[in-house]
Protein backbone atom coordinates (compact mmCIF):
# COMPACT_ATOMS: atom_id res chain seq x y z
CA MET A 1 61.59 -0.72 -77.56
CA PRO A 2 58.76 -1.15 -80.07
CA LEU A 3 55.61 -2.96 -79.11
CA GLN A 4 55.40 -6.39 -80.66
CA ALA A 5 52.48 -6.90 -82.99
CA ASP A 6 51.25 -10.32 -81.88
CA VAL A 7 50.09 -11.37 -78.44
CA ARG A 8 52.49 -13.86 -76.96
CA LYS A 9 51.00 -17.20 -76.08
CA SER A 10 53.60 -17.95 -73.44
CA ALA A 11 52.27 -18.98 -70.05
CA ILE A 12 55.52 -17.97 -68.38
CA GLN A 13 54.77 -15.57 -65.58
CA PRO A 14 56.63 -12.24 -65.68
CA LYS A 15 59.26 -11.87 -63.01
CA PRO A 16 57.83 -10.96 -59.60
CA ALA A 17 58.10 -7.35 -58.56
CA ILE A 18 61.09 -6.34 -56.48
CA ARG A 19 60.06 -6.11 -52.84
CA ASN A 20 63.20 -4.68 -51.29
CA SER A 21 64.73 -2.50 -53.96
CA THR A 22 67.31 -0.08 -52.59
CA PHE A 23 66.84 2.21 -55.59
CA LYS A 24 64.28 5.00 -55.47
CA TYR A 25 63.54 6.99 -58.58
CA SER A 26 63.28 10.49 -57.19
CA TRP A 27 63.23 14.19 -58.00
CA PRO A 28 63.87 17.30 -55.90
CA LYS A 29 60.84 19.09 -54.51
CA CYS A 30 59.27 21.41 -57.08
CA GLN A 31 58.98 25.04 -56.01
CA GLN A 32 55.88 27.13 -56.61
CA ASN A 33 55.85 29.74 -59.36
CA THR A 34 55.16 32.91 -57.37
CA SER A 35 54.72 34.98 -60.54
CA ALA A 36 51.45 33.11 -61.13
CA ALA A 37 49.84 35.41 -58.57
CA SER A 38 49.97 38.21 -61.13
CA ILE A 39 47.33 36.69 -63.42
CA PRO A 40 43.99 38.56 -63.51
CA ASP A 41 41.72 38.04 -60.48
CA PHE A 42 44.08 35.47 -58.97
CA SER A 43 43.24 36.51 -55.41
CA SER A 44 39.54 35.79 -55.99
CA LEU A 45 40.13 32.14 -56.89
CA PRO A 46 39.54 29.32 -54.37
CA HIS A 47 42.65 28.23 -52.50
CA HIS A 48 42.90 24.84 -54.24
CA VAL A 49 42.80 26.54 -57.64
CA GLN A 50 45.48 29.02 -56.60
CA ASP A 51 47.65 26.14 -55.40
CA PHE A 52 47.15 24.35 -58.71
CA ILE A 53 48.24 27.42 -60.69
CA TYR A 54 51.26 27.97 -58.44
CA HIS A 55 52.45 24.40 -59.13
CA ARG A 56 51.09 23.85 -62.63
CA HIS A 57 54.59 23.62 -64.07
CA CYS A 58 55.57 20.78 -61.71
CA ARG A 59 55.70 17.42 -63.49
CA HIS A 60 58.18 15.47 -61.37
CA PHE A 61 57.72 14.51 -57.72
CA PRO A 62 59.67 12.20 -55.41
CA MET A 63 58.43 8.62 -55.38
CA ILE A 64 57.51 7.24 -51.99
CA LEU A 65 56.47 3.76 -53.14
CA ASP A 66 57.60 2.07 -56.33
CA VAL A 67 57.26 -1.33 -58.01
CA PRO A 68 59.90 -1.04 -60.75
CA ASP A 69 59.66 -4.68 -61.82
CA LYS A 70 55.86 -5.00 -61.79
CA CYS A 71 55.84 -5.88 -65.49
CA GLY A 72 58.83 -8.20 -65.27
CA GLY A 73 61.25 -5.45 -66.24
CA ALA A 74 61.18 -3.23 -69.31
CA ASP A 75 62.32 -6.05 -71.59
CA GLY A 76 59.75 -8.49 -70.23
CA SER A 77 56.81 -6.09 -70.18
CA ALA A 78 55.40 -7.38 -73.49
CA GLU A 79 54.25 -10.42 -71.50
CA VAL A 80 51.69 -8.17 -69.76
CA PHE A 81 48.60 -8.14 -71.95
CA LEU A 82 46.42 -5.92 -69.75
CA LEU A 83 47.76 -3.55 -67.09
CA LEU A 84 45.09 -2.29 -64.71
CA VAL A 85 45.89 1.29 -63.69
CA ILE A 86 43.63 2.24 -60.80
CA LYS A 87 43.44 5.74 -59.34
CA SER A 88 43.10 5.40 -55.57
CA SER A 89 43.34 7.80 -52.64
CA PRO A 90 45.51 6.65 -49.71
CA VAL A 91 42.42 6.38 -47.49
CA ASN A 92 40.59 3.94 -49.80
CA TYR A 93 42.01 0.74 -48.36
CA ASN A 94 38.68 -1.11 -48.37
CA ARG A 95 38.19 -0.44 -52.07
CA ARG A 96 41.68 -1.66 -52.94
CA GLU A 97 41.24 -4.85 -50.92
CA VAL A 98 38.00 -5.73 -52.69
CA LEU A 99 39.52 -5.06 -56.11
CA ARG A 100 42.47 -7.34 -55.33
CA LYS A 101 40.03 -10.15 -54.62
CA THR A 102 37.76 -9.52 -57.62
CA TRP A 103 38.26 -8.02 -61.07
CA ALA A 104 41.77 -6.67 -60.39
CA LYS A 105 43.19 -10.00 -59.25
CA GLU A 106 46.48 -10.65 -61.04
CA ARG A 107 46.06 -13.78 -63.09
CA LEU A 108 46.49 -15.65 -66.34
CA GLN A 109 43.19 -15.09 -68.16
CA ASN A 110 42.49 -16.83 -71.48
CA GLY A 111 46.21 -17.39 -71.93
CA VAL A 112 47.35 -13.80 -71.24
CA TRP A 113 48.54 -11.96 -68.15
CA ILE A 114 46.64 -9.31 -66.20
CA ARG A 115 48.67 -7.11 -63.86
CA ARG A 116 47.50 -4.47 -61.38
CA ILE A 117 48.84 -1.16 -60.13
CA PHE A 118 47.27 1.50 -57.89
CA ILE A 119 48.43 5.10 -58.36
CA SER A 120 48.26 7.43 -55.39
CA GLY A 121 49.55 10.61 -53.82
CA THR A 122 49.50 11.81 -50.21
CA ARG A 123 46.72 13.08 -47.96
CA GLY A 124 46.73 15.27 -44.89
CA ASP A 125 49.57 17.11 -43.18
CA GLY A 126 52.03 16.40 -40.40
CA ALA A 127 51.20 13.36 -38.29
CA GLU A 128 48.16 12.41 -40.37
CA LYS A 129 50.20 12.32 -43.58
CA LYS A 130 52.91 10.31 -41.84
CA ARG A 131 50.38 7.74 -40.55
CA LEU A 132 48.74 7.32 -43.96
CA ASN A 133 52.11 6.95 -45.66
CA ARG A 134 53.10 4.31 -43.12
CA PHE A 135 49.81 2.51 -43.69
CA LEU A 136 50.41 2.43 -47.46
CA GLU A 137 53.94 1.20 -46.83
CA LEU A 138 52.59 -1.77 -44.86
CA GLU A 139 49.97 -2.39 -47.53
CA GLN A 140 52.69 -2.29 -50.17
CA HIS A 141 54.79 -4.82 -48.26
CA GLU A 142 51.89 -7.26 -48.41
CA ASN A 143 50.61 -6.60 -51.94
CA ASN A 144 53.40 -4.96 -53.94
CA ASP A 145 51.02 -3.02 -56.18
CA ILE A 146 51.13 0.69 -55.22
CA LEU A 147 52.84 3.63 -56.89
CA GLN A 148 52.86 6.65 -54.60
CA TRP A 149 54.30 10.09 -55.23
CA ASP A 150 54.86 12.89 -52.76
CA CYS A 151 52.15 15.11 -54.23
CA VAL A 152 48.72 15.94 -52.87
CA ASP A 153 46.12 13.34 -53.85
CA SER A 154 43.23 15.56 -54.91
CA HIS A 155 40.71 15.90 -57.71
CA TYR A 156 42.68 18.81 -59.15
CA ASN A 157 45.80 16.62 -59.33
CA LEU A 158 44.28 13.75 -61.31
CA THR A 159 46.08 14.80 -64.47
CA LEU A 160 49.36 15.07 -62.59
CA LYS A 161 48.96 11.48 -61.36
CA GLN A 162 48.30 10.35 -64.93
CA ILE A 163 51.46 12.04 -66.20
CA LEU A 164 53.52 10.61 -63.35
CA PHE A 165 52.18 7.15 -64.12
CA LEU A 166 52.88 7.47 -67.86
CA GLU A 167 56.45 8.48 -67.08
CA TRP A 168 56.75 5.41 -64.84
CA MET A 169 55.24 3.19 -67.54
CA ASP A 170 57.62 4.54 -70.17
CA ARG A 171 60.50 3.58 -67.89
CA ASN A 172 59.29 0.28 -66.45
CA CYS A 173 56.52 -1.17 -68.66
CA PRO A 174 57.19 0.21 -72.15
CA ASN A 175 55.88 -2.82 -74.04
CA VAL A 176 52.67 -3.54 -72.14
CA ARG A 177 49.95 -4.35 -74.69
CA PHE A 178 46.83 -2.68 -73.28
CA LEU A 179 45.81 -0.65 -70.24
CA MET A 180 42.57 -0.19 -68.34
CA ASN A 181 42.68 3.18 -66.62
CA GLY A 182 39.98 3.92 -64.07
CA ASP A 183 38.73 4.77 -60.61
CA ASP A 184 38.70 2.43 -57.62
CA ASP A 185 34.89 2.36 -57.47
CA VAL A 186 34.30 0.80 -60.89
CA LEU A 187 33.31 -2.71 -61.84
CA ALA A 188 35.72 -3.59 -64.62
CA HIS A 189 34.65 -6.85 -66.20
CA THR A 190 38.21 -7.87 -66.95
CA ASP A 191 37.14 -11.28 -68.28
CA ASN A 192 35.13 -9.50 -70.98
CA MET A 193 37.91 -6.99 -71.57
CA ILE A 194 40.35 -9.77 -72.40
CA LYS A 195 37.85 -11.36 -74.80
CA TYR A 196 37.23 -8.02 -76.50
CA LEU A 197 40.90 -7.07 -76.80
CA LYS A 198 41.85 -10.46 -78.20
CA THR A 199 39.28 -10.05 -80.98
CA LEU A 200 40.76 -6.77 -82.24
CA LYS A 201 41.94 -7.21 -85.80
CA ASP A 202 45.63 -6.57 -86.39
CA ASN A 203 46.06 -4.77 -83.07
CA GLY A 204 48.06 -6.46 -80.36
CA GLY A 205 48.62 -3.12 -78.67
CA SER A 206 50.80 -1.63 -81.41
CA LYS A 207 48.04 0.53 -82.92
CA HIS A 208 45.73 3.25 -81.66
CA LEU A 209 42.97 2.33 -79.21
CA TYR A 210 41.18 4.77 -76.89
CA ILE A 211 37.66 3.64 -76.02
CA GLY A 212 35.07 4.24 -73.34
CA GLN A 213 32.01 6.42 -72.82
CA LEU A 214 32.36 9.35 -75.21
CA ARG A 215 31.50 12.88 -74.07
CA ILE A 216 30.84 15.45 -76.78
CA TYR A 217 29.95 19.16 -76.77
CA GLN A 218 31.06 19.55 -73.15
CA ALA A 219 31.92 22.95 -71.68
CA PRO A 220 34.07 23.90 -68.68
CA VAL A 221 32.13 24.28 -65.44
CA ARG A 222 32.41 27.90 -64.28
CA ASP A 223 30.51 27.47 -61.00
CA ARG A 224 33.17 27.91 -58.31
CA TYR A 225 31.28 25.63 -55.90
CA ASP A 226 31.17 22.70 -58.31
CA LYS A 227 33.60 19.78 -58.00
CA TYR A 228 34.50 20.18 -61.68
CA TYR A 229 35.03 23.95 -61.52
CA VAL A 230 37.61 25.21 -64.02
CA PRO A 231 37.96 29.03 -64.18
CA PHE A 232 39.03 30.85 -67.32
CA GLN A 233 42.43 31.51 -65.67
CA VAL A 234 43.04 27.75 -65.96
CA TYR A 235 41.26 27.05 -69.27
CA GLU A 236 40.04 29.90 -71.48
CA PRO A 237 38.07 28.14 -74.28
CA GLU A 238 34.35 27.65 -73.73
CA SER A 239 34.31 24.05 -74.95
CA TYR A 240 36.29 20.87 -74.44
CA PRO A 241 37.43 18.51 -77.19
CA ASP A 242 35.50 15.25 -77.41
CA PHE A 243 36.79 13.02 -74.63
CA ILE A 244 36.30 9.66 -72.95
CA SER A 245 34.96 9.84 -69.39
CA GLY A 246 37.76 9.34 -66.88
CA GLY A 247 35.83 6.87 -64.72
CA GLY A 248 37.25 4.04 -66.80
CA PHE A 249 38.56 3.45 -70.31
CA LEU A 250 40.79 1.20 -72.39
CA LEU A 251 44.02 2.21 -74.12
CA SER A 252 46.54 0.41 -76.25
CA GLY A 253 50.16 0.58 -75.21
CA TYR A 254 50.78 2.53 -78.41
CA THR A 255 48.23 5.21 -77.49
CA ALA A 256 49.54 5.45 -73.92
CA HIS A 257 52.98 6.32 -75.32
CA VAL A 258 51.40 8.85 -77.69
CA ILE A 259 49.66 10.55 -74.76
CA TYR A 260 52.88 10.66 -72.76
CA ASN A 261 54.86 12.12 -75.65
CA MET A 262 52.21 14.75 -76.41
CA SER A 263 51.93 15.69 -72.73
CA HIS A 264 55.40 17.25 -72.82
CA THR A 265 54.04 20.14 -74.89
CA ILE A 266 50.54 20.59 -73.41
CA THR A 267 49.94 22.63 -70.27
CA ILE A 268 48.43 20.60 -67.44
CA LEU A 269 44.65 20.82 -67.01
CA PRO A 270 42.92 19.55 -63.84
CA MET A 271 40.40 17.34 -65.68
CA ASP A 272 42.46 14.26 -66.55
CA ASP A 273 39.97 12.87 -69.07
CA VAL A 274 39.89 16.15 -70.99
CA TYR A 275 43.68 16.45 -70.83
CA ILE A 276 44.16 12.94 -72.23
CA ALA A 277 41.81 13.81 -75.09
CA MET A 278 43.83 16.96 -75.79
CA CYS A 279 46.98 14.84 -76.09
CA VAL A 280 45.25 12.34 -78.37
CA ASP A 281 43.79 15.13 -80.49
CA LYS A 282 47.19 16.81 -80.91
CA ALA A 283 48.52 13.53 -82.33
CA GLY A 284 45.72 13.49 -84.91
CA LEU A 285 43.95 10.56 -83.23
CA HIS A 286 40.42 10.26 -81.89
CA PRO A 287 38.44 8.70 -79.03
CA GLU A 288 35.88 6.00 -79.77
CA HIS A 289 32.63 5.28 -77.97
CA HIS A 290 31.99 1.76 -76.70
CA VAL A 291 28.50 0.80 -75.60
CA GLY A 292 29.91 -1.64 -73.05
CA VAL A 293 31.42 1.13 -70.92
CA LYS A 294 28.95 2.67 -68.46
CA ALA A 295 31.03 5.45 -66.94
CA PHE A 296 27.96 6.98 -65.28
CA GLY A 297 26.55 3.72 -64.00
CA HIS A 298 23.96 1.38 -65.45
CA HIS A 299 20.38 2.65 -65.59
CA ALA A 300 18.01 -0.26 -65.06
CA PRO A 301 14.24 -0.16 -65.70
CA SER A 302 12.26 1.24 -62.76
CA ASN A 303 10.67 -2.14 -62.03
CA ALA A 304 13.97 -4.05 -62.00
CA ASP A 305 16.70 -4.67 -59.44
CA PRO A 306 19.49 -2.25 -60.48
CA LEU A 307 22.06 -4.74 -59.17
CA ASP A 308 20.75 -7.73 -61.10
CA PRO A 309 24.02 -9.31 -62.35
CA CYS A 310 22.44 -9.96 -65.74
CA PHE A 311 22.60 -6.23 -66.44
CA PHE A 312 26.39 -6.46 -66.09
CA SER A 313 27.19 -9.83 -67.62
CA GLU A 314 28.24 -8.44 -71.00
CA ILE A 315 29.60 -5.00 -70.11
CA LEU A 316 33.24 -3.91 -70.08
CA LEU A 317 32.96 -1.43 -67.21
CA ALA A 318 30.42 0.28 -64.96
CA HIS A 319 31.07 3.11 -62.52
CA GLY A 320 29.80 3.79 -59.02
CA PHE A 321 30.04 0.61 -56.91
CA SER A 322 30.50 0.39 -53.17
CA PRO A 323 33.04 -2.23 -52.04
CA LEU A 324 30.22 -4.44 -50.72
CA ASN A 325 28.15 -4.30 -53.91
CA LEU A 326 31.20 -4.78 -56.08
CA TYR A 327 32.28 -7.92 -54.22
CA LEU A 328 28.78 -9.39 -54.38
CA MET A 329 28.43 -8.51 -58.06
CA TRP A 330 31.71 -10.17 -59.02
CA GLU A 331 30.73 -13.33 -57.17
CA SER A 332 27.31 -13.33 -58.84
CA LEU A 333 28.80 -12.86 -62.30
CA HIS A 334 30.91 -15.96 -61.75
CA ASP A 335 28.10 -18.09 -60.38
CA PRO A 336 27.91 -21.13 -62.71
CA ASP A 337 24.14 -21.21 -62.15
CA LEU A 338 23.60 -17.62 -63.35
CA LYS A 339 21.11 -17.58 -66.22
CA CYS A 340 20.37 -14.38 -68.10
CA PHE A 341 17.75 -13.69 -70.73
CA GLU A 342 18.12 -11.20 -73.55
CA ASN A 343 15.58 -8.77 -72.08
CA VAL A 344 17.63 -8.22 -68.91
CA LYS A 345 21.09 -7.81 -70.43
């Protein structure tokens, strides 16, 4: 269904998510491509890279936890103005709990609805994996906000989680207006996001929007000991397209669908932010820098408190917060007695 052009003013809450659905959207287990071992120097690659190449073709995994009616059903999803899509490892319970109480709280903000979803995979093996899955199941029963697939939750699978989410969105939330996509250690000033998105001219989510902290002239990291290592067997070019840092960014519903549609024809790359940019680029669209997104944290003057809330009062997003600092920051930002001067914003 097409996205509607104007933001609805209705204060009717979307239908609550189904808590005891007997339906599980599932796929058979994907088998590894053993022929991948024949690529040059495959045996010299780190194990996690080998595993990625073996399963690079896999795009469908069984769902363990689902919230199919999170957006009020496909037909009602246009009521969701901003969907918060938060990448979170199963072990990061403390982070999720703080987000639920702060910027990711589901609410009616300035007349529009904010909804929240965490996207996750699995961690560990055997008994450890079983315990973590059970823990997430209990967490889901209480909060009804987790999508979990039976795939390894790792840095190299970030793109896979994005594709799995986009497939879920296309099925369950096709008319959501805007999305904030980010990590579970960011401060997303969702109050400011709503204000910003509502000021966009002639764009209620039905036109292109892809903003955040722009990275240009970036090259693949070839150091095998680096977290962001990408060998030539995975990505041959020596440069990436311009992309928005994956710590946190804003998308329109229109652009999210574009990315999903383009992803069907683009080979999976481990770096999810680069992969998203490749999808956008293939559609002839472009990322846009926004000064209010601090994907690498806020850099305060040396003589100032780096956690002075006035530095964050007008931002859209900042990366790198502990649960404790994030909770305190959100409370400070909503202190009615907070007074900020221009030189500390």
